[in-house]
Amino acid sequence: MTRDEKTIVAWVAVAVGVVFMLLMLHVMYVYQTADVTTATVNRLDHKVSGGGRNMPVSDEYLIFTSKGVFKNADEMFRMKWNSSDIQGELKEGATYRLHYYGWRVPFLSWYPNVYKVEEVGEAKK
């Protein structure tokens, strides 16, 4: 193996290691910040962004509650692929037990992500 080939192999190994470390950090974030809260839904929102020239459309569901704002997004590591269904079943004024992970970071527009919802109180009229 020539010196150039060894250099390429080394850089590929470093790149694979960095990608692996980033994936593991995300998995730790998803599972180590998990929590449960009970909150009343005040408002639901659906934001669509992108869709311009050569840009994919991105959906973001937001849940405004008595305990703050939560995101409702699909999550590969939690095997959650039903964000649209969950958002459609939520009712304003109803109380839910929200299983979520993550933190609210305002300057990055990050919200805790809900991965499971259980209704505990009917919507008040």
PDB file of N, CA and C in Angstrom:
ATOM      1  N   MET A   1       0.845  -1.168   0.000  1.00  0.00           N
ATOM      2  CA  MET A   1       0.000   0.000   0.000  1.00  0.00           C
ATOM      3  C   MET A   1       0.896   1.239   0.000  1.00  0.00           C
ATOM      4  N   THR A   2       0.610   2.168  -0.899  1.00  0.00           N
ATOM      5  CA  THR A   2       1.437   3.375  -0.996  1.00  0.00           C
ATOM      6  C   THR A   2       1.066   4.348   0.121  1.00  0.00           C
ATOM      7  N   ARG A   3       1.904   5.351   0.253  1.00  0.00           N
ATOM      8  CA  ARG A   3       1.661   6.374   1.284  1.00  0.00           C
ATOM      9  C   ARG A   3       0.350   7.113   1.031  1.00  0.00           C
ATOM     10  N   ASP A   4       0.036   7.424  -0.229  1.00  0.00           N
ATOM     11  CA  ASP A   4      -1.222   8.108  -0.558  1.00  0.00           C
ATOM     12  C   ASP A   4      -2.424   7.248  -0.214  1.00  0.00           C
ATOM     13  N   GLU A   5      -2.348   5.961  -0.479  1.00  0.00           N
ATOM     14  CA  GLU A   5      -3.451   5.067  -0.150  1.00  0.00           C
ATOM     15  C   GLU A   5      -3.661   4.980   1.363  1.00  0.00           C
ATOM     16  N   LYS A   6      -2.558   4.946   2.119  1.00  0.00           N
ATOM     17  CA  LYS A   6      -2.664   4.929   3.579  1.00  0.00           C
ATOM     18  C   LYS A   6      -3.309   6.210   4.104  1.00  0.00           C
ATOM     19  N   THR A   7      -2.984   7.331   3.496  1.00  0.00           N
ATOM     20  CA  THR A   7      -3.574   8.607   3.890  1.00  0.00           C
ATOM     21  C   THR A   7      -5.074   8.613   3.624  1.00  0.00           C
ATOM     22  N   ILE A   8      -5.481   8.101   2.479  1.00  0.00           N
ATOM     23  CA  ILE A   8      -6.910   8.037   2.145  1.00  0.00           C
ATOM     24  C   ILE A   8      -7.641   7.125   3.121  1.00  0.00           C
ATOM     25  N   VAL A   9      -7.064   5.969   3.412  1.00  0.00           N
ATOM     26  CA  VAL A   9      -7.682   5.037   4.362  1.00  0.00           C
ATOM     27  C   VAL A   9      -7.812   5.700   5.737  1.00  0.00           C
ATOM     28  N   ALA A  10      -6.792   6.427   6.158  1.00  0.00           N
ATOM     29  CA  ALA A  10      -6.837   7.097   7.458  1.00  0.00           C
ATOM     30  C   ALA A  10      -7.949   8.142   7.499  1.00  0.00           C
ATOM     31  N   TRP A  11      -8.088   8.941   6.458  1.00  0.00           N
ATOM     32  CA  TRP A  11      -9.127   9.971   6.408  1.00  0.00           C
ATOM     33  C   TRP A  11     -10.528   9.354   6.372  1.00  0.00           C
ATOM     34  N   VAL A  12     -10.679   8.261   5.651  1.00  0.00           N
ATOM     35  CA  VAL A  12     -11.975   7.565   5.623  1.00  0.00           C
ATOM     36  C   VAL A  12     -12.303   7.028   7.013  1.00  0.00           C
ATOM     37  N   ALA A  13     -11.319   6.465   7.702  1.00  0.00           N
ATOM     38  CA  ALA A  13     -11.538   5.948   9.055  1.00  0.00           C
ATOM     39  C   ALA A  13     -11.927   7.077  10.013  1.00  0.00           C
ATOM     40  N   VAL A  14     -11.271   8.221   9.890  1.00  0.00           N
ATOM     41  CA  VAL A  14     -11.619   9.374  10.732  1.00  0.00           C
ATOM     42  C   VAL A  14     -13.040   9.840  10.436  1.00  0.00           C
ATOM     43  N   ALA A  15     -13.414   9.920   9.165  1.00  0.00           N
ATOM     44  CA  ALA A  15     -14.760  10.361   8.783  1.00  0.00           C
ATOM     45  C   ALA A  15     -15.820   9.393   9.321  1.00  0.00           C
ATOM     46  N   VAL A  16     -15.585   8.099   9.187  1.00  0.00           N
ATOM     47  CA  VAL A  16     -16.526   7.102   9.707  1.00  0.00           C
ATOM     48  C   VAL A  16     -16.632   7.228  11.234  1.00  0.00           C
ATOM     49  N   GLY A  17     -15.525   7.430  11.894  1.00  0.00           N
ATOM     50  CA  GLY A  17     -15.525   7.600  13.347  1.00  0.00           C
ATOM     51  C   GLY A  17     -16.303   8.832  13.781  1.00  0.00           C
ATOM     52  N   VAL A  18     -16.146   9.938  13.067  1.00  0.00           N
ATOM     53  CA  VAL A  18     -16.868  11.169  13.398  1.00  0.00           C
ATOM     54  C   VAL A  18     -18.375  10.971  13.198  1.00  0.00           C
ATOM     55  N   VAL A  19     -18.772  10.363  12.091  1.00  0.00           N
ATOM     56  CA  VAL A  19     -20.193  10.104  11.834  1.00  0.00           C
ATOM     57  C   VAL A  19     -20.764   9.200  12.924  1.00  0.00           C
ATOM     58  N   PHE A  20     -20.047   8.165  13.293  1.00  0.00           N
ATOM     59  CA  PHE A  20     -20.493   7.261  14.348  1.00  0.00           C
ATOM     60  C   PHE A  20     -20.665   8.005  15.673  1.00  0.00           C
ATOM     61  N   MET A  21     -19.709   8.849  16.033  1.00  0.00           N
ATOM     62  CA  MET A  21     -19.785   9.619  17.277  1.00  0.00           C
ATOM     63  C   MET A  21     -20.992  10.561  17.274  1.00  0.00           C
ATOM     64  N   LEU A  22     -21.249  11.217  16.148  1.00  0.00           N
ATOM     65  CA  LEU A  22     -22.404  12.120  16.053  1.00  0.00           C
ATOM     66  C   LEU A  22     -23.712  11.350  16.203  1.00  0.00           C
ATOM     67  N   LEU A  23     -23.809  10.188  15.585  1.00  0.00           N
ATOM     68  CA  LEU A  23     -25.008   9.354  15.739  1.00  0.00           C
ATOM     69  C   LEU A  23     -25.194   8.931  17.193  1.00  0.00           C
ATOM     70  N   MET A  24     -24.136   8.539  17.849  1.00  0.00           N
ATOM     71  CA  MET A  24     -24.229   8.119  19.246  1.00  0.00           C
ATOM     72  C   MET A  24     -24.616   9.288  20.150  1.00  0.00           C
ATOM     73  N   LEU A  25     -24.105  10.480  19.867  1.00  0.00           N
ATOM     74  CA  LEU A  25     -24.498  11.656  20.644  1.00  0.00           C
ATOM     75  C   LEU A  25     -25.983  11.938  20.485  1.00  0.00           C
ATOM     76  N   HIS A  26     -26.501  11.790  19.269  1.00  0.00           N
ATOM     77  CA  HIS A  26     -27.929  12.016  19.045  1.00  0.00           C
ATOM     78  C   HIS A  26     -28.766  10.971  19.779  1.00  0.00           C
ATOM     79  N   VAL A  27     -28.352   9.727  19.736  1.00  0.00           N
ATOM     80  CA  VAL A  27     -29.074   8.668  20.448  1.00  0.00           C
ATOM     81  C   VAL A  27     -29.073   8.959  21.950  1.00  0.00           C
ATOM     82  N   MET A  28     -27.941   9.362  22.494  1.00  0.00           N
ATOM     83  CA  MET A  28     -27.874   9.697  23.916  1.00  0.00           C
ATOM     84  C   MET A  28     -28.789  10.876  24.232  1.00  0.00           C
ATOM     85  N   TYR A  29     -28.829  11.886  23.372  1.00  0.00           N
ATOM     86  CA  TYR A  29     -29.703  13.047  23.558  1.00  0.00           C
ATOM     87  C   TYR A  29     -31.165  12.613  23.581  1.00  0.00           C
ATOM     88  N   VAL A  30     -31.556  11.754  22.645  1.00  0.00           N
ATOM     89  CA  VAL A  30     -32.939  11.305  22.541  1.00  0.00           C
ATOM     90  C   VAL A  30     -33.367  10.542  23.787  1.00  0.00           C
ATOM     91  N   TYR A  31     -32.519   9.673  24.310  1.00  0.00           N
ATOM     92  CA  TYR A  31     -32.913   8.823  25.434  1.00  0.00           C
ATOM     93  C   TYR A  31     -32.584   9.428  26.805  1.00  0.00           C
ATOM     94  N   GLN A  32     -31.547  10.234  26.899  1.00  0.00           N
ATOM     95  CA  GLN A  32     -31.163  10.773  28.208  1.00  0.00           C
ATOM     96  C   GLN A  32     -31.980  11.997  28.610  1.00  0.00           C
ATOM     97  N   THR A  33     -32.613  12.679  27.666  1.00  0.00           N
ATOM     98  CA  THR A  33     -33.406  13.861  28.011  1.00  0.00           C
ATOM     99  C   THR A  33     -34.901  13.559  28.040  1.00  0.00           C
ATOM    100  N   ALA A  34     -35.283  12.288  27.937  1.00  0.00           N
ATOM    101  CA  ALA A  34     -36.698  11.906  27.904  1.00  0.00           C
ATOM    102  C   ALA A  34     -37.385  12.255  29.223  1.00  0.00           C
ATOM    103  N   ASP A  35     -38.638  12.715  29.115  1.00  0.00           N
ATOM    104  CA  ASP A  35     -39.416  13.084  30.286  1.00  0.00           C
ATOM    105  C   ASP A  35     -40.902  13.004  29.941  1.00  0.00           C
ATOM    106  N   VAL A  36     -41.754  13.144  30.945  1.00  0.00           N
ATOM    107  CA  VAL A  36     -43.205  13.101  30.769  1.00  0.00           C
ATOM    108  C   VAL A  36     -43.800  14.285  31.515  1.00  0.00           C
ATOM    109  N   THR A  37     -44.800  14.936  30.917  1.00  0.00           N
ATOM    110  CA  THR A  37     -45.520  16.013  31.579  1.00  0.00           C
ATOM    111  C   THR A  37     -46.985  15.937  31.190  1.00  0.00           C
ATOM    112  N   THR A  38     -47.827  16.495  32.023  1.00  0.00           N
ATOM    113  CA  THR A  38     -49.250  16.583  31.719  1.00  0.00           C
ATOM    114  C   THR A  38     -49.565  18.045  31.438  1.00  0.00           C
ATOM    115  N   ALA A  39     -50.191  18.297  30.284  1.00  0.00           N
ATOM    116  CA  ALA A  39     -50.442  19.679  29.867  1.00  0.00           C
ATOM    117  C   ALA A  39     -51.731  19.768  29.066  1.00  0.00           C
ATOM    118  N   THR A  40     -52.320  20.966  29.082  1.00  0.00           N
ATOM    119  CA  THR A  40     -53.515  21.254  28.298  1.00  0.00           C
ATOM    120  C   THR A  40     -53.101  21.921  26.995  1.00  0.00           C
ATOM    121  N   VAL A  41     -53.635  21.440  25.881  1.00  0.00           N
ATOM    122  CA  VAL A  41     -53.306  22.002  24.565  1.00  0.00           C
ATOM    123  C   VAL A  41     -54.074  23.305  24.386  1.00  0.00           C
ATOM    124  N   ASN A  42     -53.343  24.383  24.117  1.00  0.00           N
ATOM    125  CA  ASN A  42     -53.958  25.693  23.878  1.00  0.00           C
ATOM    126  C   ASN A  42     -54.164  25.953  22.395  1.00  0.00           C
ATOM    127  N   ARG A  43     -53.178  25.528  21.592  1.00  0.00           N
ATOM    128  CA  ARG A  43     -53.242  25.810  20.156  1.00  0.00           C
ATOM    129  C   ARG A  43     -52.354  24.816  19.417  1.00  0.00           C
ATOM    130  N   LEU A  44     -52.728  24.512  18.171  1.00  0.00           N
ATOM    131  CA  LEU A  44     -51.950  23.629  17.304  1.00  0.00           C
ATOM    132  C   LEU A  44     -51.528  24.414  16.069  1.00  0.00           C
ATOM    133  N   ASP A  45     -50.321  24.147  15.575  1.00  0.00           N
ATOM    134  CA  ASP A  45     -49.836  24.873  14.408  1.00  0.00           C
ATOM    135  C   ASP A  45     -49.097  23.914  13.483  1.00  0.00           C
ATOM    136  N   HIS A  46     -49.151  24.197  12.195  1.00  0.00           N
ATOM    137  CA  HIS A  46     -48.471  23.411  11.166  1.00  0.00           C
ATOM    138  C   HIS A  46     -47.730  24.389  10.264  1.00  0.00           C
ATOM    139  N   LYS A  47     -46.405  24.346  10.308  1.00  0.00           N
ATOM    140  CA  LYS A  47     -45.590  25.228   9.481  1.00  0.00           C
ATOM    141  C   LYS A  47     -44.977  24.426   8.338  1.00  0.00           C
ATOM    142  N   VAL A  48     -45.048  24.985   7.147  1.00  0.00           N
ATOM    143  CA  VAL A  48     -44.435  24.374   5.971  1.00  0.00           C
ATOM    144  C   VAL A  48     -43.346  25.311   5.492  1.00  0.00           C
ATOM    145  N   SER A  49     -42.159  24.765   5.250  1.00  0.00           N
ATOM    146  CA  SER A  49     -41.066  25.591   4.745  1.00  0.00           C
ATOM    147  C   SER A  49     -40.388  24.871   3.593  1.00  0.00           C
ATOM    148  N   GLY A  50     -39.613  25.597   2.845  1.00  0.00           N
ATOM    149  CA  GLY A  50     -38.918  25.027   1.692  1.00  0.00           C
ATOM    150  C   GLY A  50     -39.846  24.917   0.503  1.00  0.00           C
ATOM    151  N   GLY A  51     -39.595  23.957  -0.334  1.00  0.00           N
ATOM    152  CA  GLY A  51     -40.418  23.737  -1.511  1.00  0.00           C
ATOM    153  C   GLY A  51     -40.065  24.654  -2.661  1.00  0.00           C
ATOM    154  N   GLY A  52     -39.000  25.411  -2.497  1.00  0.00           N
ATOM    155  CA  GLY A  52     -38.544  26.265  -3.588  1.00  0.00           C
ATOM    156  C   GLY A  52     -37.805  25.442  -4.619  1.00  0.00           C
ATOM    157  N   ARG A  53     -37.137  26.109  -5.483  1.00  0.00           N
ATOM    158  CA  ARG A  53     -36.384  25.438  -6.547  1.00  0.00           C
ATOM    159  C   ARG A  53     -35.326  24.512  -5.952  1.00  0.00           C
ATOM    160  N   ASN A  54     -35.438  23.247  -6.255  1.00  0.00           N
ATOM    161  CA  ASN A  54     -34.502  22.211  -5.790  1.00  0.00           C
ATOM    162  C   ASN A  54     -34.432  22.103  -4.269  1.00  0.00           C
ATOM    163  N   MET A  55     -35.494  22.501  -3.572  1.00  0.00           N
ATOM    164  CA  MET A  55     -35.526  22.394  -2.114  1.00  0.00           C
ATOM    165  C   MET A  55     -36.694  21.511  -1.694  1.00  0.00           C
ATOM    166  N   PRO A  56     -36.449  20.566  -0.787  1.00  0.00           N
ATOM    167  CA  PRO A  56     -37.560  19.717  -0.333  1.00  0.00           C
ATOM    168  C   PRO A  56     -38.506  20.497   0.577  1.00  0.00           C
ATOM    169  N   VAL A  57     -39.741  20.074   0.606  1.00  0.00           N
ATOM    170  CA  VAL A  57     -40.720  20.664   1.506  1.00  0.00           C
ATOM    171  C   VAL A  57     -40.505  20.076   2.891  1.00  0.00           C
ATOM    172  N   SER A  58     -40.556  20.926   3.904  1.00  0.00           N
ATOM    173  CA  SER A  58     -40.363  20.485   5.276  1.00  0.00           C
ATOM    174  C   SER A  58     -41.592  20.881   6.099  1.00  0.00           C
ATOM    175  N   ASP A  59     -42.192  19.897   6.770  1.00  0.00           N
ATOM    176  CA  ASP A  59     -43.319  20.141   7.657  1.00  0.00           C
ATOM    177  C   ASP A  59     -42.833  20.175   9.097  1.00  0.00           C
ATOM    178  N   GLU A  60     -43.429  21.072   9.873  1.00  0.00           N
ATOM    179  CA  GLU A  60     -43.135  21.110  11.300  1.00  0.00           C
ATOM    180  C   GLU A  60     -44.448  21.327  12.037  1.00  0.00           C
ATOM    181  N   TYR A  61     -44.771  20.419  12.948  1.00  0.00           N
ATOM    182  CA  TYR A  61     -45.977  20.530  13.748  1.00  0.00           C
ATOM    183  C   TYR A  61     -45.591  21.062  15.125  1.00  0.00           C
ATOM    184  N   LEU A  62     -46.304  22.077  15.596  1.00  0.00           N
ATOM    185  CA  LEU A  62     -46.065  22.641  16.917  1.00  0.00           C
ATOM    186  C   LEU A  62     -47.311  22.488  17.777  1.00  0.00           C
ATOM    187  N   ILE A  63     -47.085  22.221  19.069  1.00  0.00           N
ATOM    188  CA  ILE A  63     -48.159  22.055  20.034  1.00  0.00           C
ATOM    189  C   ILE A  63     -47.928  23.095  21.136  1.00  0.00           C
ATOM    190  N   PHE A  64     -48.799  24.089  21.232  1.00  0.00           N
ATOM    191  CA  PHE A  64     -48.716  25.110  22.260  1.00  0.00           C
ATOM    192  C   PHE A  64     -49.552  24.651  23.448  1.00  0.00           C
ATOM    193  N   THR A  65     -48.919  24.511  24.609  1.00  0.00           N
ATOM    194  CA  THR A  65     -49.599  23.943  25.778  1.00  0.00           C
ATOM    195  C   THR A  65     -49.443  24.853  26.995  1.00  0.00           C
ATOM    196  N   SER A  66     -50.078  24.432  28.073  1.00  0.00           N
ATOM    197  CA  SER A  66     -49.945  25.137  29.349  1.00  0.00           C
ATOM    198  C   SER A  66     -48.544  24.979  29.940  1.00  0.00           C
ATOM    199  N   LYS A  67     -47.748  24.046  29.421  1.00  0.00           N
ATOM    200  CA  LYS A  67     -46.386  23.808  29.903  1.00  0.00           C
ATOM    201  C   LYS A  67     -45.317  24.241  28.908  1.00  0.00           C
ATOM    202  N   GLY A  68     -45.702  24.991  27.880  1.00  0.00           N
ATOM    203  CA  GLY A  68     -44.741  25.456  26.888  1.00  0.00           C
ATOM    204  C   GLY A  68     -45.048  24.899  25.506  1.00  0.00           C
ATOM    205  N   VAL A  69     -44.128  25.138  24.584  1.00  0.00           N
ATOM    206  CA  VAL A  69     -44.299  24.718  23.192  1.00  0.00           C
ATOM    207  C   VAL A  69     -43.505  23.440  22.959  1.00  0.00           C
ATOM    208  N   PHE A  70     -44.137  22.499  22.261  1.00  0.00           N
ATOM    209  CA  PHE A  70     -43.498  21.237  21.903  1.00  0.00           C
ATOM    210  C   PHE A  70     -43.560  21.055  20.400  1.00  0.00           C
ATOM    211  N   LYS A  71     -42.570  20.342  19.868  1.00  0.00           N
ATOM    212  CA  LYS A  71     -42.549  19.966  18.456  1.00  0.00           C
ATOM    213  C   LYS A  71     -43.094  18.547  18.347  1.00  0.00           C
ATOM    214  N   ASN A  72     -43.746  18.270  17.237  1.00  0.00           N
ATOM    215  CA  ASN A  72     -44.243  16.921  16.968  1.00  0.00           C
ATOM    216  C   ASN A  72     -43.633  16.501  15.629  1.00  0.00           C
ATOM    217  N   ALA A  73     -42.512  15.789  15.695  1.00  0.00           N
ATOM    218  CA  ALA A  73     -41.789  15.399  14.480  1.00  0.00           C
ATOM    219  C   ALA A  73     -41.462  13.910  14.513  1.00  0.00           C
ATOM    220  N   ASP A  74     -41.339  13.320  13.344  1.00  0.00           N
ATOM    221  CA  ASP A  74     -40.926  11.918  13.256  1.00  0.00           C
ATOM    222  C   ASP A  74     -39.527  11.765  13.843  1.00  0.00           C
ATOM    223  N   GLU A  75     -39.266  10.595  14.430  1.00  0.00           N
ATOM    224  CA  GLU A  75     -37.973  10.350  15.057  1.00  0.00           C
ATOM    225  C   GLU A  75     -37.520   8.928  14.773  1.00  0.00           C
ATOM    226  N   MET A  76     -36.426   8.823  14.044  1.00  0.00           N
ATOM    227  CA  MET A  76     -35.901   7.536  13.635  1.00  0.00           C
ATOM    228  C   MET A  76     -35.520   6.654  14.832  1.00  0.00           C
ATOM    229  N   PHE A  77     -34.858   7.216  15.835  1.00  0.00           N
ATOM    230  CA  PHE A  77     -34.367   6.409  16.947  1.00  0.00           C
ATOM    231  C   PHE A  77     -35.468   5.993  17.917  1.00  0.00           C
ATOM    232  N   ARG A  78     -36.617   6.619  17.855  1.00  0.00           N
ATOM    233  CA  ARG A  78     -37.775   6.219  18.656  1.00  0.00           C
ATOM    234  C   ARG A  78     -38.780   5.431  17.816  1.00  0.00           C
ATOM    235  N   MET A  79     -38.451   5.203  16.563  1.00  0.00           N
ATOM    236  CA  MET A  79     -39.319   4.487  15.621  1.00  0.00           C
ATOM    237  C   MET A  79     -40.706   5.132  15.561  1.00  0.00           C
ATOM    238  N   LYS A  80     -40.720   6.452  15.519  1.00  0.00           N
ATOM    239  CA  LYS A  80     -41.973   7.212  15.471  1.00  0.00           C
ATOM    240  C   LYS A  80     -42.121   7.812  14.079  1.00  0.00           C
ATOM    241  N   TRP A  81     -43.134   7.374  13.366  1.00  0.00           N
ATOM    242  CA  TRP A  81     -43.357   7.838  11.998  1.00  0.00           C
ATOM    243  C   TRP A  81     -44.790   8.342  11.807  1.00  0.00           C
ATOM    244  N   ASN A  82     -45.470   8.717  12.888  1.00  0.00           N
ATOM    245  CA  ASN A  82     -46.881   9.075  12.793  1.00  0.00           C
ATOM    246  C   ASN A  82     -47.192  10.486  13.292  1.00  0.00           C
ATOM    247  N   SER A  83     -46.324  11.422  13.047  1.00  0.00           N
ATOM    248  CA  SER A  83     -46.516  12.794  13.523  1.00  0.00           C
ATOM    249  C   SER A  83     -47.809  13.406  13.005  1.00  0.00           C
ATOM    250  N   SER A  84     -48.091  13.209  11.734  1.00  0.00           N
ATOM    251  CA  SER A  84     -49.314  13.772  11.150  1.00  0.00           C
ATOM    252  C   SER A  84     -50.549  13.192  11.828  1.00  0.00           C
ATOM    253  N   ASP A  85     -50.542  11.895  12.088  1.00  0.00           N
ATOM    254  CA  ASP A  85     -51.678  11.254  12.750  1.00  0.00           C
ATOM    255  C   ASP A  85     -51.884  11.803  14.162  1.00  0.00           C
ATOM    256  N   ILE A  86     -50.784  11.929  14.910  1.00  0.00           N
ATOM    257  CA  ILE A  86     -50.872  12.459  16.270  1.00  0.00           C
ATOM    258  C   ILE A  86     -51.409  13.884  16.241  1.00  0.00           C
ATOM    259  N   GLN A  87     -50.887  14.709  15.350  1.00  0.00           N
ATOM    260  CA  GLN A  87     -51.325  16.100  15.275  1.00  0.00           C
ATOM    261  C   GLN A  87     -52.820  16.181  14.948  1.00  0.00           C
ATOM    262  N   GLY A  88     -53.289  15.310  14.082  1.00  0.00           N
ATOM    263  CA  GLY A  88     -54.698  15.305  13.703  1.00  0.00           C
ATOM    264  C   GLY A  88     -55.624  14.857  14.819  1.00  0.00           C
ATOM    265  N   GLU A  89     -55.121  14.054  15.755  1.00  0.00           N
ATOM    266  CA  GLU A  89     -55.939  13.553  16.854  1.00  0.00           C
ATOM    267  C   GLU A  89     -55.981  14.494  18.056  1.00  0.00           C
ATOM    268  N   LEU A  90     -55.014  15.420  18.157  1.00  0.00           N
ATOM    269  CA  LEU A  90     -54.998  16.348  19.282  1.00  0.00           C
ATOM    270  C   LEU A  90     -56.163  17.329  19.184  1.00  0.00           C
ATOM    271  N   LYS A  91     -56.718  17.697  20.354  1.00  0.00           N
ATOM    272  CA  LYS A  91     -57.831  18.644  20.397  1.00  0.00           C
ATOM    273  C   LYS A  91     -57.448  19.812  21.301  1.00  0.00           C
ATOM    274  N   GLU A  92     -57.704  21.013  20.822  1.00  0.00           N
ATOM    275  CA  GLU A  92     -57.450  22.192  21.643  1.00  0.00           C
ATOM    276  C   GLU A  92     -58.369  22.153  22.857  1.00  0.00           C
ATOM    277  N   GLY A  93     -57.820  22.460  24.022  1.00  0.00           N
ATOM    278  CA  GLY A  93     -58.587  22.449  25.264  1.00  0.00           C
ATOM    279  C   GLY A  93     -58.521  21.138  26.015  1.00  0.00           C
ATOM    280  N   ALA A  94     -58.059  20.072  25.367  1.00  0.00           N
ATOM    281  CA  ALA A  94     -57.948  18.766  26.023  1.00  0.00           C
ATOM    282  C   ALA A  94     -56.616  18.677  26.768  1.00  0.00           C
ATOM    283  N   THR A  95     -56.578  17.792  27.765  1.00  0.00           N
ATOM    284  CA  THR A  95     -55.368  17.593  28.557  1.00  0.00           C
ATOM    285  C   THR A  95     -54.749  16.251  28.181  1.00  0.00           C
ATOM    286  N   TYR A  96     -53.427  16.261  28.009  1.00  0.00           N
ATOM    287  CA  TYR A  96     -52.698  15.074  27.559  1.00  0.00           C
ATOM    288  C   TYR A  96     -51.476  14.838  28.430  1.00  0.00           C
ATOM    289  N   ARG A  97     -51.075  13.584  28.509  1.00  0.00           N
ATOM    290  CA  ARG A  97     -49.779  13.216  29.068  1.00  0.00           C
ATOM    291  C   ARG A  97     -48.837  13.153  27.880  1.00  0.00           C
ATOM    292  N   LEU A  98     -47.848  14.030  27.868  1.00  0.00           N
ATOM    293  CA  LEU A  98     -46.910  14.138  26.746  1.00  0.00           C
ATOM    294  C   LEU A  98     -45.585  13.483  27.118  1.00  0.00           C
ATOM    295  N   HIS A  99     -45.177  12.508  26.349  1.00  0.00           N
ATOM    296  CA  HIS A  99     -43.853  11.896  26.492  1.00  0.00           C
ATOM    297  C   HIS A  99     -42.967  12.598  25.466  1.00  0.00           C
ATOM    298  N   TYR A 100     -41.870  13.167  25.913  1.00  0.00           N
ATOM    299  CA  TYR A 100     -41.033  13.972  25.016  1.00  0.00           C
ATOM    300  C   TYR A 100     -39.561  13.816  25.379  1.00  0.00           C
ATOM    301  N   TYR A 101     -38.721  14.338  24.501  1.00  0.00           N
ATOM    302  CA  TYR A 101     -37.291  14.430  24.793  1.00  0.00           C
ATOM    303  C   TYR A 101     -36.787  15.763  24.268  1.00  0.00           C
ATOM    304  N   GLY A 102     -35.678  16.202  24.802  1.00  0.00           N
ATOM    305  CA  GLY A 102     -35.038  17.418  24.299  1.00  0.00           C
ATOM    306  C   GLY A 102     -35.288  18.633  25.169  1.00  0.00           C
ATOM    307  N   TRP A 103     -34.709  19.746  24.726  1.00  0.00           N
ATOM    308  CA  TRP A 103     -34.776  21.007  25.451  1.00  0.00           C
ATOM    309  C   TRP A 103     -35.278  22.104  24.535  1.00  0.00           C
ATOM    310  N   ARG A 104     -35.777  23.156  25.138  1.00  0.00           N
ATOM    311  CA  ARG A 104     -36.146  24.357  24.393  1.00  0.00           C
ATOM    312  C   ARG A 104     -34.908  25.244  24.324  1.00  0.00           C
ATOM    313  N   VAL A 105     -34.454  25.533  23.098  1.00  0.00           N
ATOM    314  CA  VAL A 105     -33.321  26.421  22.876  1.00  0.00           C
ATOM    315  C   VAL A 105     -33.814  27.521  21.934  1.00  0.00           C
ATOM    316  N   PRO A 106     -34.253  28.664  22.487  1.00  0.00           N
ATOM    317  CA  PRO A 106     -34.894  29.695  21.675  1.00  0.00           C
ATOM    318  C   PRO A 106     -34.053  30.226  20.508  1.00  0.00           C
ATOM    319  N   PHE A 107     -32.769  30.506  20.727  1.00  0.00           N
ATOM    320  CA  PHE A 107     -31.987  31.122  19.655  1.00  0.00           C
ATOM    321  C   PHE A 107     -31.696  30.158  18.506  1.00  0.00           C
ATOM    322  N   LEU A 108     -31.919  28.864  18.706  1.00  0.00           N
ATOM    323  CA  LEU A 108     -31.783  27.880  17.629  1.00  0.00           C
ATOM    324  C   LEU A 108     -33.146  27.385  17.138  1.00  0.00           C
ATOM    325  N   SER A 109     -34.233  27.896  17.731  1.00  0.00           N
ATOM    326  CA  SER A 109     -35.605  27.460  17.425  1.00  0.00           C
ATOM    327  C   SER A 109     -35.788  25.958  17.637  1.00  0.00           C
ATOM    328  N   TRP A 110     -35.182  25.440  18.693  1.00  0.00           N
ATOM    329  CA  TRP A 110     -35.349  24.039  19.056  1.00  0.00           C
ATOM    330  C   TRP A 110     -36.463  23.920  20.081  1.00  0.00           C
ATOM    331  N   TYR A 111     -37.267  22.872  19.942  1.00  0.00           N
ATOM    332  CA  TYR A 111     -38.335  22.583  20.879  1.00  0.00           C
ATOM    333  C   TYR A 111     -38.206  21.135  21.322  1.00  0.00           C
ATOM    334  N   PRO A 112     -38.689  20.806  22.525  1.00  0.00           N
ATOM    335  CA  PRO A 112     -38.755  19.397  22.902  1.00  0.00           C
ATOM    336  C   PRO A 112     -39.671  18.658  21.922  1.00  0.00           C
ATOM    337  N   ASN A 113     -39.319  17.439  21.555  1.00  0.00           N
ATOM    338  CA  ASN A 113     -40.082  16.665  20.574  1.00  0.00           C
ATOM    339  C   ASN A 113     -40.951  15.626  21.280  1.00  0.00           C
ATOM    340  N   VAL A 114     -42.248  15.681  20.996  1.00  0.00           N
ATOM    341  CA  VAL A 114     -43.197  14.728  21.566  1.00  0.00           C
ATOM    342  C   VAL A 114     -43.137  13.430  20.760  1.00  0.00           C
ATOM    343  N   TYR A 115     -43.026  12.286  21.457  1.00  0.00           N
ATOM    344  CA  TYR A 115     -43.014  11.009  20.741  1.00  0.00           C
ATOM    345  C   TYR A 115     -44.179  10.097  21.127  1.00  0.00           C
ATOM    346  N   LYS A 116     -44.923  10.471  22.190  1.00  0.00           N
ATOM    347  CA  LYS A 116     -46.085   9.681  22.583  1.00  0.00           C
ATOM    348  C   LYS A 116     -47.068  10.599  23.302  1.00  0.00           C
ATOM    349  N   VAL A 117     -48.363  10.416  23.015  1.00  0.00           N
ATOM    350  CA  VAL A 117     -49.406  11.259  23.598  1.00  0.00           C
ATOM    351  C   VAL A 117     -50.514  10.376  24.137  1.00  0.00           C
ATOM    352  N   GLU A 118     -50.957  10.670  25.367  1.00  0.00           N
ATOM    353  CA  GLU A 118     -52.078   9.946  25.976  1.00  0.00           C
ATOM    354  C   GLU A 118     -53.064  10.979  26.502  1.00  0.00           C
ATOM    355  N   GLU A 119     -54.315  10.887  26.066  1.00  0.00           N
ATOM    356  CA  GLU A 119     -55.326  11.840  26.531  1.00  0.00           C
ATOM    357  C   GLU A 119     -55.732  11.497  27.960  1.00  0.00           C
ATOM    358  N   VAL A 120     -55.760  12.524  28.832  1.00  0.00           N
ATOM    359  CA  VAL A 120     -56.147  12.317  30.231  1.00  0.00           C
ATOM    360  C   VAL A 120     -57.363  13.155  30.618  1.00  0.00           C
ATOM    361  N   GLY A 121     -57.753  14.109  29.779  1.00  0.00           N
ATOM    362  CA  GLY A 121     -58.909  14.948  30.073  1.00  0.00           C
ATOM    363  C   GLY A 121     -59.565  15.432  28.790  1.00  0.00           C
ATOM    364  N   GLU A 122     -60.874  15.426  28.754  1.00  0.00           N
ATOM    365  CA  GLU A 122     -61.623  15.871  27.573  1.00  0.00           C
ATOM    366  C   GLU A 122     -61.471  17.370  27.363  1.00  0.00           C
ATOM    367  N   ALA A 123     -61.681  17.803  26.137  1.00  0.00           N
ATOM    368  CA  ALA A 123     -61.638  19.224  25.799  1.00  0.00           C
ATOM    369  C   ALA A 123     -62.770  19.951  26.500  1.00  0.00           C
ATOM    370  N   LYS A 124     -62.441  21.117  27.050  1.00  0.00           N
ATOM    371  CA  LYS A 124     -63.455  21.943  27.715  1.00  0.00           C
ATOM    372  C   LYS A 124     -64.068  22.883  26.712  1.00  0.00           C
ATOM    373  N   LYS A 125     -65.394  23.020  26.775  1.00  0.00           N
ATOM    374  CA  LYS A 125     -66.072  23.889  25.810  1.00  0.00           C
ATOM    375  C   LYS A 125     -66.429  25.208  26.403  1.00  0.00           C
TER     376      LYS A 125
END
